Amino acid sequence: MIYRLILAGLLWTFLAKRMLCSA
């Protein structure tokens, strides 16, 4: 369960960085 939370967090931070970079 905790593993999934960590993976989700990394995925969201990655997506956020990509959006900020492309914006």
PDB file of N, CA and C in Angstrom:
ATOM      1  N   MET A   1       0.838  -1.204   0.000  1.00  0.00           N
ATOM      2  CA  MET A   1       0.000   0.000   0.000  1.00  0.00           C
ATOM      3  C   MET A   1       0.876   1.258   0.000  1.00  0.00           C
ATOM      4  N   ILE A   2       1.837   1.297   0.923  1.00  0.00           N
ATOM      5  CA  ILE A   2       2.736   2.465   0.994  1.00  0.00           C
ATOM      6  C   ILE A   2       3.530   2.589  -0.309  1.00  0.00           C
ATOM      7  N   TYR A   3       3.897   1.422  -0.863  1.00  0.00           N
ATOM      8  CA  TYR A   3       4.662   1.411  -2.110  1.00  0.00           C
ATOM      9  C   TYR A   3       3.900   2.124  -3.219  1.00  0.00           C
ATOM     10  N   ARG A   4       2.593   1.822  -3.283  1.00  0.00           N
ATOM     11  CA  ARG A   4       1.761   2.431  -4.322  1.00  0.00           C
ATOM     12  C   ARG A   4       1.672   3.942  -4.121  1.00  0.00           C
ATOM     13  N   LEU A   5       1.599   4.378  -2.869  1.00  0.00           N
ATOM     14  CA  LEU A   5       1.518   5.818  -2.593  1.00  0.00           C
ATOM     15  C   LEU A   5       2.785   6.518  -3.068  1.00  0.00           C
ATOM     16  N   ILE A   6       3.934   5.891  -2.807  1.00  0.00           N
ATOM     17  CA  ILE A   6       5.218   6.472  -3.216  1.00  0.00           C
ATOM     18  C   ILE A   6       5.293   6.549  -4.738  1.00  0.00           C
ATOM     19  N   LEU A   7       4.893   5.460  -5.404  1.00  0.00           N
ATOM     20  CA  LEU A   7       4.928   5.439  -6.866  1.00  0.00           C
ATOM     21  C   LEU A   7       3.995   6.502  -7.433  1.00  0.00           C
ATOM     22  N   ALA A   8       2.815   6.629  -6.840  1.00  0.00           N
ATOM     23  CA  ALA A   8       1.846   7.627  -7.307  1.00  0.00           C
ATOM     24  C   ALA A   8       2.429   9.030  -7.131  1.00  0.00           C
ATOM     25  N   GLY A   9       3.087   9.270  -6.002  1.00  0.00           N
ATOM     26  CA  GLY A   9       3.682  10.577  -5.735  1.00  0.00           C
ATOM     27  C   GLY A   9       4.747  10.919  -6.766  1.00  0.00           C
ATOM     28  N   LEU A  10       5.599   9.939  -7.070  1.00  0.00           N
ATOM     29  CA  LEU A  10       6.659  10.167  -8.049  1.00  0.00           C
ATOM     30  C   LEU A  10       6.058  10.449  -9.420  1.00  0.00           C
ATOM     31  N   LEU A  11       5.011   9.696  -9.768  1.00  0.00           N
ATOM     32  CA  LEU A  11       4.366   9.877 -11.069  1.00  0.00           C
ATOM     33  C   LEU A  11       3.764  11.270 -11.181  1.00  0.00           C
ATOM     34  N   TRP A  12       3.068  11.712 -10.129  1.00  0.00           N
ATOM     35  CA  TRP A  12       2.438  13.028 -10.157  1.00  0.00           C
ATOM     36  C   TRP A  12       3.476  14.142 -10.216  1.00  0.00           C
ATOM     37  N   THR A  13       4.569  14.001  -9.465  1.00  0.00           N
ATOM     38  CA  THR A  13       5.608  15.037  -9.484  1.00  0.00           C
ATOM     39  C   THR A  13       6.248  15.096 -10.873  1.00  0.00           C
ATOM     40  N   PHE A  14       6.420  13.920 -11.492  1.00  0.00           N
ATOM     41  CA  PHE A  14       7.006  13.852 -12.830  1.00  0.00           C
ATOM     42  C   PHE A  14       6.094  14.550 -13.834  1.00  0.00           C
ATOM     43  N   LEU A  15       4.795  14.261 -13.734  1.00  0.00           N
ATOM     44  CA  LEU A  15       3.828  14.875 -14.648  1.00  0.00           C
ATOM     45  C   LEU A  15       3.786  16.386 -14.431  1.00  0.00           C
ATOM     46  N   ALA A  16       3.818  16.807 -13.183  1.00  0.00           N
ATOM     47  CA  ALA A  16       3.760  18.242 -12.873  1.00  0.00           C
ATOM     48  C   ALA A  16       4.976  18.955 -13.459  1.00  0.00           C
ATOM     49  N   LYS A  17       6.148  18.357 -13.299  1.00  0.00           N
ATOM     50  CA  LYS A  17       7.379  18.966 -13.832  1.00  0.00           C
ATOM     51  C   LYS A  17       7.287  19.072 -15.351  1.00  0.00           C
ATOM     52  N   ARG A  18       6.759  18.022 -15.995  1.00  0.00           N
ATOM     53  CA  ARG A  18       6.653  18.022 -17.447  1.00  0.00           C
ATOM     54  C   ARG A  18       5.715  19.135 -17.901  1.00  0.00           C
ATOM     55  N   MET A  19       4.588  19.276 -17.203  1.00  0.00           N
ATOM     56  CA  MET A  19       3.611  20.308 -17.573  1.00  0.00           C
ATOM     57  C   MET A  19       4.224  21.697 -17.406  1.00  0.00           C
ATOM     58  N   LEU A  20       4.958  21.900 -16.304  1.00  0.00           N
ATOM     59  CA  LEU A  20       5.572  23.206 -16.055  1.00  0.00           C
ATOM     60  C   LEU A  20       6.636  23.507 -17.107  1.00  0.00           C
ATOM     61  N   CYS A  21       7.383  22.480 -17.494  1.00  0.00           N
ATOM     62  CA  CYS A  21       8.457  22.674 -18.473  1.00  0.00           C
ATOM     63  C   CYS A  21       7.876  22.991 -19.849  1.00  0.00           C
ATOM     64  N   SER A  22       6.834  22.271 -20.238  1.00  0.00           N
ATOM     65  CA  SER A  22       6.248  22.462 -21.567  1.00  0.00           C
ATOM     66  C   SER A  22       5.422  23.744 -21.621  1.00  0.00           C
ATOM     67  N   ALA A  23       4.908  24.180 -20.467  1.00  0.00           N
ATOM     68  CA  ALA A  23       4.064  25.384 -20.449  1.00  0.00           C
ATOM     69  C   ALA A  23       4.903  26.633 -20.711  1.00  0.00           C
TER      70      ALA A  23
END
